[in-house]
Amino acid sequence: MTPEIKESGFVLSFKDIFTDYPTFMNQTRDPIYRAILLAFDALKEKEKVAVNISATVDDTEFESELEFTKANLDILTDVINPYFEKIEDYETCVEVMKVLSDLQKN
C-alpha cells in the first residue's frame, strides 16, 4: 500500500476490517513502517511530518496521527531498521541508513 501524500505528510487508510489490534499490527506493520521512512525522508525539507492512519479494528473505527521531527531519529535505528533487518529487506535498510545520515548532517 502506497500512502497518499498530503501537505502535512502521509495518509494510510486501511479498508480491511481487523478482528483485533495484534492482527492489525501484524498485517499493517510493513506499510506503516514504510510510510514512517518516507516521513523521515521528507524531514529533509520540512520541520515536522505526520503519518495519519485510519482503520477499523474490532468494529471500531480509529484514526491516529504520528508526528515526526528530527528529534525522533532514534525511531529509525531502534524500530524501523531492525524490522527491515528481520525480514531481510537489506535494500530498505540501506535506505534507512541513508536517510538517517542525511538528517544528521542538517
PDB file of N, CA and C in Angstrom:
ATOM      1  N   MET A   1       0.840  -1.175   0.000  1.00  0.00           N
ATOM      2  CA  MET A   1       0.000   0.000   0.000  1.00  0.00           C
ATOM      3  C   MET A   1       0.883   1.234   0.000  1.00  0.00           C
ATOM      4  N   THR A   2       0.621   2.131  -0.926  1.00  0.00           N
ATOM      5  CA  THR A   2       1.352   3.387  -1.016  1.00  0.00           C
ATOM      6  C   THR A   2       0.551   4.465  -0.305  1.00  0.00           C
ATOM      7  N   PRO A   3       1.187   5.200   0.603  1.00  0.00           N
ATOM      8  CA  PRO A   3       0.441   6.238   1.310  1.00  0.00           C
ATOM      9  C   PRO A   3       0.074   7.394   0.385  1.00  0.00           C
ATOM     10  N   GLU A   4      -1.050   8.002   0.670  1.00  0.00           N
ATOM     11  CA  GLU A   4      -1.465   9.213  -0.035  1.00  0.00           C
ATOM     12  C   GLU A   4      -0.643  10.365   0.530  1.00  0.00           C
ATOM     13  N   ILE A   5      -0.196  11.249  -0.334  1.00  0.00           N
ATOM     14  CA  ILE A   5       0.630  12.368   0.102  1.00  0.00           C
ATOM     15  C   ILE A   5      -0.258  13.592   0.292  1.00  0.00           C
ATOM     16  N   LYS A   6      -0.148  14.203   1.476  1.00  0.00           N
ATOM     17  CA  LYS A   6      -0.879  15.422   1.815  1.00  0.00           C
ATOM     18  C   LYS A   6       0.134  16.497   2.184  1.00  0.00           C
ATOM     19  N   GLU A   7      -0.334  17.711   2.339  1.00  0.00           N
ATOM     20  CA  GLU A   7       0.537  18.833   2.702  1.00  0.00           C
ATOM     21  C   GLU A   7       1.297  18.568   4.002  1.00  0.00           C
ATOM     22  N   SER A   8       0.604  17.990   4.991  1.00  0.00           N
ATOM     23  CA  SER A   8       1.223  17.783   6.302  1.00  0.00           C
ATOM     24  C   SER A   8       1.989  16.473   6.412  1.00  0.00           C
ATOM     25  N   GLY A   9       1.841  15.593   5.403  1.00  0.00           N
ATOM     26  CA  GLY A   9       2.535  14.321   5.493  1.00  0.00           C
ATOM     27  C   GLY A   9       1.892  13.250   4.639  1.00  0.00           C
ATOM     28  N   PHE A  10       1.693  12.086   5.233  1.00  0.00           N
ATOM     29  CA  PHE A  10       1.239  10.911   4.506  1.00  0.00           C
ATOM     30  C   PHE A  10      -0.003  10.328   5.175  1.00  0.00           C
ATOM     31  N   VAL A  11      -0.879   9.739   4.365  1.00  0.00           N
ATOM     32  CA  VAL A  11      -2.124   9.156   4.871  1.00  0.00           C
ATOM     33  C   VAL A  11      -2.217   7.702   4.439  1.00  0.00           C
ATOM     34  N   LEU A  12      -2.461   6.828   5.409  1.00  0.00           N
ATOM     35  CA  LEU A  12      -2.710   5.407   5.148  1.00  0.00           C
ATOM     36  C   LEU A  12      -4.127   5.098   5.618  1.00  0.00           C
ATOM     37  N   SER A  13      -4.982   4.683   4.695  1.00  0.00           N
ATOM     38  CA  SER A  13      -6.360   4.312   5.040  1.00  0.00           C
ATOM     39  C   SER A  13      -6.540   2.833   4.714  1.00  0.00           C
ATOM     40  N   PHE A  14      -6.651   2.029   5.758  1.00  0.00           N
ATOM     41  CA  PHE A  14      -6.812   0.591   5.572  1.00  0.00           C
ATOM     42  C   PHE A  14      -8.298   0.265   5.468  1.00  0.00           C
ATOM     43  N   LYS A  15      -8.683  -0.381   4.391  1.00  0.00           N
ATOM     44  CA  LYS A  15     -10.091  -0.696   4.132  1.00  0.00           C
ATOM     45  C   LYS A  15     -10.522  -2.007   4.780  1.00  0.00           C
ATOM     46  N   ASP A  16      -9.575  -2.903   5.043  1.00  0.00           N
ATOM     47  CA  ASP A  16      -9.913  -4.177   5.680  1.00  0.00           C
ATOM     48  C   ASP A  16     -10.427  -3.934   7.100  1.00  0.00           C
ATOM     49  N   ILE A  17     -11.236  -4.841   7.586  1.00  0.00           N
ATOM     50  CA  ILE A  17     -11.686  -4.796   8.973  1.00  0.00           C
ATOM     51  C   ILE A  17     -10.880  -5.838   9.747  1.00  0.00           C
ATOM     52  N   PHE A  18     -10.173  -5.389  10.762  1.00  0.00           N
ATOM     53  CA  PHE A  18      -9.288  -6.257  11.536  1.00  0.00           C
ATOM     54  C   PHE A  18      -9.999  -6.705  12.812  1.00  0.00           C
ATOM     55  N   THR A  19      -9.798  -7.957  13.180  1.00  0.00           N
ATOM     56  CA  THR A  19     -10.502  -8.520  14.332  1.00  0.00           C
ATOM     57  C   THR A  19      -9.985  -7.999  15.665  1.00  0.00           C
ATOM     58  N   ASP A  20      -8.683  -7.649  15.729  1.00  0.00           N
ATOM     59  CA  ASP A  20      -8.103  -7.142  16.967  1.00  0.00           C
ATOM     60  C   ASP A  20      -6.825  -6.372  16.639  1.00  0.00           C
ATOM     61  N   TYR A  21      -6.280  -5.681  17.642  1.00  0.00           N
ATOM     62  CA  TYR A  21      -5.095  -4.847  17.404  1.00  0.00           C
ATOM     63  C   TYR A  21      -3.837  -5.643  17.060  1.00  0.00           C
ATOM     64  N   PRO A  22      -3.591  -6.806  17.685  1.00  0.00           N
ATOM     65  CA  PRO A  22      -2.418  -7.586  17.250  1.00  0.00           C
ATOM     66  C   PRO A  22      -2.495  -7.983  15.774  1.00  0.00           C
ATOM     67  N   THR A  23      -3.675  -8.369  15.314  1.00  0.00           N
ATOM     68  CA  THR A  23      -3.851  -8.712  13.901  1.00  0.00           C
ATOM     69  C   THR A  23      -3.611  -7.489  13.033  1.00  0.00           C
ATOM     70  N   PHE A  24      -4.169  -6.363  13.459  1.00  0.00           N
ATOM     71  CA  PHE A  24      -3.958  -5.110  12.729  1.00  0.00           C
ATOM     72  C   PHE A  24      -2.471  -4.812  12.586  1.00  0.00           C
ATOM     73  N   MET A  25      -1.731  -4.864  13.693  1.00  0.00           N
ATOM     74  CA  MET A  25      -0.298  -4.541  13.638  1.00  0.00           C
ATOM     75  C   MET A  25       0.480  -5.549  12.801  1.00  0.00           C
ATOM     76  N   ASN A  26       0.159  -6.817  12.920  1.00  0.00           N
ATOM     77  CA  ASN A  26       0.867  -7.831  12.134  1.00  0.00           C
ATOM     78  C   ASN A  26       0.645  -7.646  10.641  1.00  0.00           C
ATOM     79  N   GLN A  27      -0.555  -7.241  10.252  1.00  0.00           N
ATOM     80  CA  GLN A  27      -0.879  -7.126   8.834  1.00  0.00           C
ATOM     81  C   GLN A  27      -0.556  -5.765   8.235  1.00  0.00           C
ATOM     82  N   THR A  28      -0.334  -4.756   9.077  1.00  0.00           N
ATOM     83  CA  THR A  28      -0.105  -3.404   8.554  1.00  0.00           C
ATOM     84  C   THR A  28       1.271  -2.825   8.894  1.00  0.00           C
ATOM     85  N   ARG A  29       2.046  -3.556   9.658  1.00  0.00           N
ATOM     86  CA  ARG A  29       3.351  -3.040  10.096  1.00  0.00           C
ATOM     87  C   ARG A  29       4.210  -2.588   8.906  1.00  0.00           C
ATOM     88  N   ASP A  30       4.280  -3.409   7.870  1.00  0.00           N
ATOM     89  CA  ASP A  30       5.152  -3.082   6.740  1.00  0.00           C
ATOM     90  C   ASP A  30       4.761  -1.753   6.075  1.00  0.00           C
ATOM     91  N   PRO A  31       3.511  -1.553   5.653  1.00  0.00           N
ATOM     92  CA  PRO A  31       3.192  -0.266   5.034  1.00  0.00           C
ATOM     93  C   PRO A  31       3.305   0.916   5.996  1.00  0.00           C
ATOM     94  N   ILE A  32       3.011   0.692   7.275  1.00  0.00           N
ATOM     95  CA  ILE A  32       3.160   1.782   8.242  1.00  0.00           C
ATOM     96  C   ILE A  32       4.629   2.164   8.385  1.00  0.00           C
ATOM     97  N   TYR A  33       5.511   1.184   8.530  1.00  0.00           N
ATOM     98  CA  TYR A  33       6.934   1.482   8.680  1.00  0.00           C
ATOM     99  C   TYR A  33       7.510   2.122   7.416  1.00  0.00           C
ATOM    100  N   ARG A  34       7.034   1.705   6.250  1.00  0.00           N
ATOM    101  CA  ARG A  34       7.494   2.334   5.010  1.00  0.00           C
ATOM    102  C   ARG A  34       7.029   3.784   4.924  1.00  0.00           C
ATOM    103  N   ALA A  35       5.809   4.063   5.393  1.00  0.00           N
ATOM    104  CA  ALA A  35       5.313   5.440   5.418  1.00  0.00           C
ATOM    105  C   ALA A  35       6.121   6.287   6.403  1.00  0.00           C
ATOM    106  N   ILE A  36       6.491   5.692   7.535  1.00  0.00           N
ATOM    107  CA  ILE A  36       7.325   6.409   8.502  1.00  0.00           C
ATOM    108  C   ILE A  36       8.683   6.738   7.888  1.00  0.00           C
ATOM    109  N   LEU A  37       9.250   5.809   7.145  1.00  0.00           N
ATOM    110  CA  LEU A  37      10.516   6.076   6.461  1.00  0.00           C
ATOM    111  C   LEU A  37      10.357   7.232   5.472  1.00  0.00           C
ATOM    112  N   LEU A  38       9.266   7.248   4.720  1.00  0.00           N
ATOM    113  CA  LEU A  38       9.001   8.360   3.801  1.00  0.00           C
ATOM    114  C   LEU A  38       8.868   9.679   4.562  1.00  0.00           C
ATOM    115  N   ALA A  39       8.233   9.622   5.730  1.00  0.00           N
ATOM    116  CA  ALA A  39       8.080  10.830   6.547  1.00  0.00           C
ATOM    117  C   ALA A  39       9.443  11.371   6.972  1.00  0.00           C
ATOM    118  N   PHE A  40      10.319  10.483   7.420  1.00  0.00           N
ATOM    119  CA  PHE A  40      11.655  10.938   7.815  1.00  0.00           C
ATOM    120  C   PHE A  40      12.407  11.502   6.617  1.00  0.00           C
ATOM    121  N   ASP A  41      12.262  10.889   5.465  1.00  0.00           N
ATOM    122  CA  ASP A  41      12.908  11.417   4.261  1.00  0.00           C
ATOM    123  C   ASP A  41      12.388  12.815   3.952  1.00  0.00           C
ATOM    124  N   ALA A  42      11.110  13.051   4.171  1.00  0.00           N
ATOM    125  CA  ALA A  42      10.520  14.367   3.926  1.00  0.00           C
ATOM    126  C   ALA A  42      11.027  15.425   4.906  1.00  0.00           C
ATOM    127  N   LEU A  43      11.581  14.987   6.042  1.00  0.00           N
ATOM    128  CA  LEU A  43      12.124  15.940   7.012  1.00  0.00           C
ATOM    129  C   LEU A  43      13.350  16.679   6.485  1.00  0.00           C
ATOM    130  N   LYS A  44      13.870  16.245   5.370  1.00  0.00           N
ATOM    131  CA  LYS A  44      14.976  16.976   4.745  1.00  0.00           C
ATOM    132  C   LYS A  44      14.500  18.353   4.288  1.00  0.00           C
ATOM    133  N   GLU A  45      13.191  18.474   4.033  1.00  0.00           N
ATOM    134  CA  GLU A  45      12.614  19.714   3.513  1.00  0.00           C
ATOM    135  C   GLU A  45      11.669  20.402   4.502  1.00  0.00           C
ATOM    136  N   LYS A  46      11.239  19.690   5.544  1.00  0.00           N
ATOM    137  CA  LYS A  46      10.231  20.221   6.473  1.00  0.00           C
ATOM    138  C   LYS A  46      10.694  20.066   7.910  1.00  0.00           C
ATOM    139  N   GLU A  47      10.086  20.844   8.800  1.00  0.00           N
ATOM    140  CA  GLU A  47      10.394  20.770  10.231  1.00  0.00           C
ATOM    141  C   GLU A  47       9.723  19.578  10.898  1.00  0.00           C
ATOM    142  N   LYS A  48       8.494  19.261  10.458  1.00  0.00           N
ATOM    143  CA  LYS A  48       7.769  18.116  11.011  1.00  0.00           C
ATOM    144  C   LYS A  48       6.891  17.522   9.923  1.00  0.00           C
ATOM    145  N   VAL A  49       6.678  16.217  10.028  1.00  0.00           N
ATOM    146  CA  VAL A  49       5.871  15.484   9.052  1.00  0.00           C
ATOM    147  C   VAL A  49       4.999  14.489   9.821  1.00  0.00           C
ATOM    148  N   ALA A  50       3.758  14.334   9.370  1.00  0.00           N
ATOM    149  CA  ALA A  50       2.827  13.425  10.036  1.00  0.00           C
ATOM    150  C   ALA A  50       2.508  12.229   9.143  1.00  0.00           C
ATOM    151  N   VAL A  51       2.227  11.112   9.799  1.00  0.00           N
ATOM    152  CA  VAL A  51       1.666   9.938   9.138  1.00  0.00           C
ATOM    153  C   VAL A  51       0.308   9.714   9.799  1.00  0.00           C
ATOM    154  N   ASN A  52      -0.748   9.832   9.017  1.00  0.00           N
ATOM    155  CA  ASN A  52      -2.105   9.628   9.515  1.00  0.00           C
ATOM    156  C   ASN A  52      -2.578   8.243   9.111  1.00  0.00           C
ATOM    157  N   ILE A  53      -3.085   7.505  10.089  1.00  0.00           N
ATOM    158  CA  ILE A  53      -3.514   6.127   9.864  1.00  0.00           C
ATOM    159  C   ILE A  53      -4.983   6.015  10.255  1.00  0.00           C
ATOM    160  N   SER A  54      -5.773   5.410   9.374  1.00  0.00           N
ATOM    161  CA  SER A  54      -7.162   5.127   9.728  1.00  0.00           C
ATOM    162  C   SER A  54      -7.464   3.670   9.397  1.00  0.00           C
ATOM    163  N   ALA A  55      -8.263   3.057  10.264  1.00  0.00           N
ATOM    164  CA  ALA A  55      -8.606   1.643  10.095  1.00  0.00           C
ATOM    165  C   ALA A  55      -9.804   1.308  10.974  1.00  0.00           C
ATOM    166  N   THR A  56     -10.328   0.116  10.753  1.00  0.00           N
ATOM    167  CA  THR A  56     -11.388  -0.415  11.618  1.00  0.00           C
ATOM    168  C   THR A  56     -10.845  -1.674  12.276  1.00  0.00           C
ATOM    169  N   VAL A  57     -10.833  -1.642  13.611  1.00  0.00           N
ATOM    170  CA  VAL A  57     -10.343  -2.769  14.393  1.00  0.00           C
ATOM    171  C   VAL A  57     -11.419  -3.149  15.394  1.00  0.00           C
ATOM    172  N   ASP A  58     -11.815  -4.416  15.364  1.00  0.00           N
ATOM    173  CA  ASP A  58     -12.823  -4.926  16.296  1.00  0.00           C
ATOM    174  C   ASP A  58     -14.091  -4.050  16.246  1.00  0.00           C
ATOM    175  N   ASP A  59     -14.556  -3.770  15.021  1.00  0.00           N
ATOM    176  CA  ASP A  59     -15.763  -2.971  14.769  1.00  0.00           C
ATOM    177  C   ASP A  59     -15.666  -1.526  15.264  1.00  0.00           C
ATOM    178  N   THR A  60     -14.467  -1.038  15.537  1.00  0.00           N
ATOM    179  CA  THR A  60     -14.277   0.336  15.973  1.00  0.00           C
ATOM    180  C   THR A  60     -13.378   1.056  14.976  1.00  0.00           C
ATOM    181  N   GLU A  61     -13.883   2.154  14.425  1.00  0.00           N
ATOM    182  CA  GLU A  61     -13.068   2.960  13.516  1.00  0.00           C
ATOM    183  C   GLU A  61     -12.136   3.835  14.345  1.00  0.00           C
ATOM    184  N   PHE A  62     -10.908   3.954  13.894  1.00  0.00           N
ATOM    185  CA  PHE A  62      -9.990   4.849  14.589  1.00  0.00           C
ATOM    186  C   PHE A  62      -9.105   5.565  13.589  1.00  0.00           C
ATOM    187  N   GLU A  63      -8.641   6.712  14.028  1.00  0.00           N
ATOM    188  CA  GLU A  63      -7.653   7.478  13.278  1.00  0.00           C
ATOM    189  C   GLU A  63      -6.548   7.852  14.242  1.00  0.00           C
ATOM    190  N   SER A  64      -5.337   7.785  13.748  1.00  0.00           N
ATOM    191  CA  SER A  64      -4.187   8.113  14.575  1.00  0.00           C
ATOM    192  C   SER A  64      -3.219   8.952  13.757  1.00  0.00           C
ATOM    193  N   GLU A  65      -2.647   9.965  14.384  1.00  0.00           N
ATOM    194  CA  GLU A  65      -1.654  10.789  13.709  1.00  0.00           C
ATOM    195  C   GLU A  65      -0.325  10.627  14.434  1.00  0.00           C
ATOM    196  N   LEU A  66       0.673  10.205  13.691  1.00  0.00           N
ATOM    197  CA  LEU A  66       2.033  10.084  14.218  1.00  0.00           C
ATOM    198  C   LEU A  66       2.835  11.241  13.635  1.00  0.00           C
ATOM    199  N   GLU A  67       3.350  12.095  14.495  1.00  0.00           N
ATOM    200  CA  GLU A  67       4.094  13.261  14.029  1.00  0.00           C
ATOM    201  C   GLU A  67       5.579  13.057  14.311  1.00  0.00           C
ATOM    202  N   PHE A  68       6.406  13.378  13.321  1.00  0.00           N
ATOM    203  CA  PHE A  68       7.845  13.156  13.431  1.00  0.00           C
ATOM    204  C   PHE A  68       8.618  14.441  13.198  1.00  0.00           C
ATOM    205  N   THR A  69       9.705  14.591  13.942  1.00  0.00           N
ATOM    206  CA  THR A  69      10.666  15.669  13.750  1.00  0.00           C
ATOM    207  C   THR A  69      12.058  15.051  13.784  1.00  0.00           C
ATOM    208  N   LYS A  70      13.061  15.860  13.571  1.00  0.00           N
ATOM    209  CA  LYS A  70      14.431  15.351  13.618  1.00  0.00           C
ATOM    210  C   LYS A  70      14.823  14.885  15.018  1.00  0.00           C
ATOM    211  N   ALA A  71      14.073  15.298  16.025  1.00  0.00           N
ATOM    212  CA  ALA A  71      14.338  14.843  17.399  1.00  0.00           C
ATOM    213  C   ALA A  71      13.979  13.368  17.581  1.00  0.00           C
ATOM    214  N   ASN A  72      13.275  12.788  16.616  1.00  0.00           N
ATOM    215  CA  ASN A  72      12.820  11.391  16.710  1.00  0.00           C
ATOM    216  C   ASN A  72      13.676  10.420  15.905  1.00  0.00           C
ATOM    217  N   LEU A  73      14.904  10.768  15.578  1.00  0.00           N
ATOM    218  CA  LEU A  73      15.735   9.919  14.721  1.00  0.00           C
ATOM    219  C   LEU A  73      15.978   8.526  15.306  1.00  0.00           C
ATOM    220  N   ASP A  74      15.885   8.398  16.630  1.00  0.00           N
ATOM    221  CA  ASP A  74      16.093   7.090  17.239  1.00  0.00           C
ATOM    222  C   ASP A  74      15.055   6.067  16.766  1.00  0.00           C
ATOM    223  N   ILE A  75      13.922   6.513  16.287  1.00  0.00           N
ATOM    224  CA  ILE A  75      12.908   5.598  15.755  1.00  0.00           C
ATOM    225  C   ILE A  75      13.466   4.842  14.548  1.00  0.00           C
ATOM    226  N   LEU A  76      14.274   5.522  13.746  1.00  0.00           N
ATOM    227  CA  LEU A  76      14.874   4.853  12.588  1.00  0.00           C
ATOM    228  C   LEU A  76      15.809   3.730  13.011  1.00  0.00           C
ATOM    229  N   THR A  77      16.632   3.969  14.023  1.00  0.00           N
ATOM    230  CA  THR A  77      17.623   2.973  14.432  1.00  0.00           C
ATOM    231  C   THR A  77      17.051   1.922  15.380  1.00  0.00           C
ATOM    232  N   ASP A  78      16.068   2.298  16.195  1.00  0.00           N
ATOM    233  CA  ASP A  78      15.555   1.386  17.218  1.00  0.00           C
ATOM    234  C   ASP A  78      14.333   0.581  16.779  1.00  0.00           C
ATOM    235  N   VAL A  79      13.594   1.066  15.778  1.00  0.00           N
ATOM    236  CA  VAL A  79      12.348   0.406  15.385  1.00  0.00           C
ATOM    237  C   VAL A  79      12.339   0.033  13.900  1.00  0.00           C
ATOM    238  N   ILE A  80      12.536   1.019  13.052  1.00  0.00           N
ATOM    239  CA  ILE A  80      12.356   0.824  11.610  1.00  0.00           C
ATOM    240  C   ILE A  80      13.436  -0.086  11.020  1.00  0.00           C
ATOM    241  N   ASN A  81      14.706   0.247  11.244  1.00  0.00           N
ATOM    242  CA  ASN A  81      15.778  -0.559  10.667  1.00  0.00           C
ATOM    243  C   ASN A  81      15.774  -2.006  11.186  1.00  0.00           C
ATOM    244  N   PRO A  82      15.594  -2.244  12.492  1.00  0.00           N
ATOM    245  CA  PRO A  82      15.542  -3.639  12.957  1.00  0.00           C
ATOM    246  C   PRO A  82      14.417  -4.452  12.302  1.00  0.00           C
ATOM    247  N   TYR A  83      13.287  -3.820  12.038  1.00  0.00           N
ATOM    248  CA  TYR A  83      12.199  -4.541  11.364  1.00  0.00           C
ATOM    249  C   TYR A  83      12.640  -5.000   9.978  1.00  0.00           C
ATOM    250  N   PHE A  84      13.249  -4.099   9.205  1.00  0.00           N
ATOM    251  CA  PHE A  84      13.660  -4.466   7.849  1.00  0.00           C
ATOM    252  C   PHE A  84      14.824  -5.454   7.860  1.00  0.00           C
ATOM    253  N   GLU A  85      15.671  -5.394   8.873  1.00  0.00           N
ATOM    254  CA  GLU A  85      16.708  -6.420   9.025  1.00  0.00           C
ATOM    255  C   GLU A  85      16.068  -7.785   9.276  1.00  0.00           C
ATOM    256  N   LYS A  86      15.061  -7.810  10.141  1.00  0.00           N
ATOM    257  CA  LYS A  86      14.405  -9.070  10.498  1.00  0.00           C
ATOM    258  C   LYS A  86      13.765  -9.737   9.281  1.00  0.00           C
ATOM    259  N   ILE A  87      13.163  -8.927   8.382  1.00  0.00           N
ATOM    260  CA  ILE A  87      12.528  -9.520   7.201  1.00  0.00           C
ATOM    261  C   ILE A  87      13.510  -9.625   6.028  1.00  0.00           C
ATOM    262  N   GLU A  88      14.775  -9.313   6.309  1.00  0.00           N
ATOM    263  CA  GLU A  88      15.864  -9.417   5.336  1.00  0.00           C
ATOM    264  C   GLU A  88      15.651  -8.554   4.091  1.00  0.00           C
ATOM    265  N   ASP A  89      15.108  -7.359   4.322  1.00  0.00           N
ATOM    266  CA  ASP A  89      14.957  -6.371   3.253  1.00  0.00           C
ATOM    267  C   ASP A  89      16.123  -5.384   3.383  1.00  0.00           C
ATOM    268  N   TYR A  90      17.283  -5.853   2.960  1.00  0.00           N
ATOM    269  CA  TYR A  90      18.509  -5.089   3.165  1.00  0.00           C
ATOM    270  C   TYR A  90      18.578  -3.846   2.295  1.00  0.00           C
ATOM    271  N   GLU A  91      17.893  -3.850   1.178  1.00  0.00           N
ATOM    272  CA  GLU A  91      17.840  -2.659   0.332  1.00  0.00           C
ATOM    273  C   GLU A  91      17.169  -1.506   1.097  1.00  0.00           C
ATOM    274  N   THR A  92      16.110  -1.823   1.810  1.00  0.00           N
ATOM    275  CA  THR A  92      15.440  -0.794   2.604  1.00  0.00           C
ATOM    276  C   THR A  92      16.300  -0.395   3.801  1.00  0.00           C
ATOM    277  N   CYS A  93      17.055  -1.327   4.369  1.00  0.00           N
ATOM    278  CA  CYS A  93      17.981  -0.994   5.463  1.00  0.00           C
ATOM    279  C   CYS A  93      18.987   0.057   5.017  1.00  0.00           C
ATOM    280  N   VAL A  94      19.499  -0.103   3.808  1.00  0.00           N
ATOM    281  CA  VAL A  94      20.448   0.872   3.266  1.00  0.00           C
ATOM    282  C   VAL A  94      19.759   2.231   3.120  1.00  0.00           C
ATOM    283  N   GLU A  95      18.527   2.221   2.661  1.00  0.00           N
ATOM    284  CA  GLU A  95      17.765   3.465   2.511  1.00  0.00           C
ATOM    285  C   GLU A  95      17.548   4.133   3.867  1.00  0.00           C
ATOM    286  N   VAL A  96      17.211   3.342   4.889  1.00  0.00           N
ATOM    287  CA  VAL A  96      17.018   3.873   6.238  1.00  0.00           C
ATOM    288  C   VAL A  96      18.296   4.564   6.707  1.00  0.00           C
ATOM    289  N   MET A  97      19.423   3.909   6.533  1.00  0.00           N
ATOM    290  CA  MET A  97      20.690   4.480   6.996  1.00  0.00           C
ATOM    291  C   MET A  97      21.083   5.728   6.209  1.00  0.00           C
ATOM    292  N   LYS A  98      20.727   5.783   4.928  1.00  0.00           N
ATOM    293  CA  LYS A  98      20.994   6.978   4.129  1.00  0.00           C
ATOM    294  C   LYS A  98      20.147   8.154   4.612  1.00  0.00           C
ATOM    295  N   VAL A  99      18.879   7.898   4.857  1.00  0.00           N
ATOM    296  CA  VAL A  99      18.001   8.951   5.370  1.00  0.00           C
ATOM    297  C   VAL A  99      18.525   9.452   6.721  1.00  0.00           C
ATOM    298  N   LEU A 100      18.898   8.528   7.600  1.00  0.00           N
ATOM    299  CA  LEU A 100      19.438   8.888   8.893  1.00  0.00           C
ATOM    300  C   LEU A 100      20.691   9.747   8.756  1.00  0.00           C
ATOM    301  N   SER A 101      21.602   9.318   7.919  1.00  0.00           N
ATOM    302  CA  SER A 101      22.839  10.068   7.694  1.00  0.00           C
ATOM    303  C   SER A 101      22.558  11.462   7.153  1.00  0.00           C
ATOM    304  N   ASP A 102      21.660  11.553   6.190  1.00  0.00           N
ATOM    305  CA  ASP A 102      21.311  12.874   5.608  1.00  0.00           C
ATOM    306  C   ASP A 102      20.722  13.804   6.665  1.00  0.00           C
ATOM    307  N   LEU A 103      19.855  13.273   7.510  1.00  0.00           N
ATOM    308  CA  LEU A 103      19.218  14.095   8.530  1.00  0.00           C
ATOM    309  C   LEU A 103      20.197  14.511   9.630  1.00  0.00           C
ATOM    310  N   GLN A 104      21.168  13.673   9.921  1.00  0.00           N
ATOM    311  CA  GLN A 104      22.158  14.012  10.950  1.00  0.00           C
ATOM    312  C   GLN A 104      23.102  15.098  10.472  1.00  0.00           C
ATOM    313  N   LYS A 105      23.256  15.234   9.150  1.00  0.00           N
ATOM    314  CA  LYS A 105      24.127  16.284   8.604  1.00  0.00           C
ATOM    315  C   LYS A 105      23.504  17.669   8.736  1.00  0.00           C
ATOM    316  N   ASN A 106      22.176  17.704   8.727  1.00  0.00           N
ATOM    317  CA  ASN A 106      21.482  19.006   8.755  1.00  0.00           C
ATOM    318  C   ASN A 106      21.235  19.460  10.162  1.00  0.00           C
TER     319      ASN A 106
END
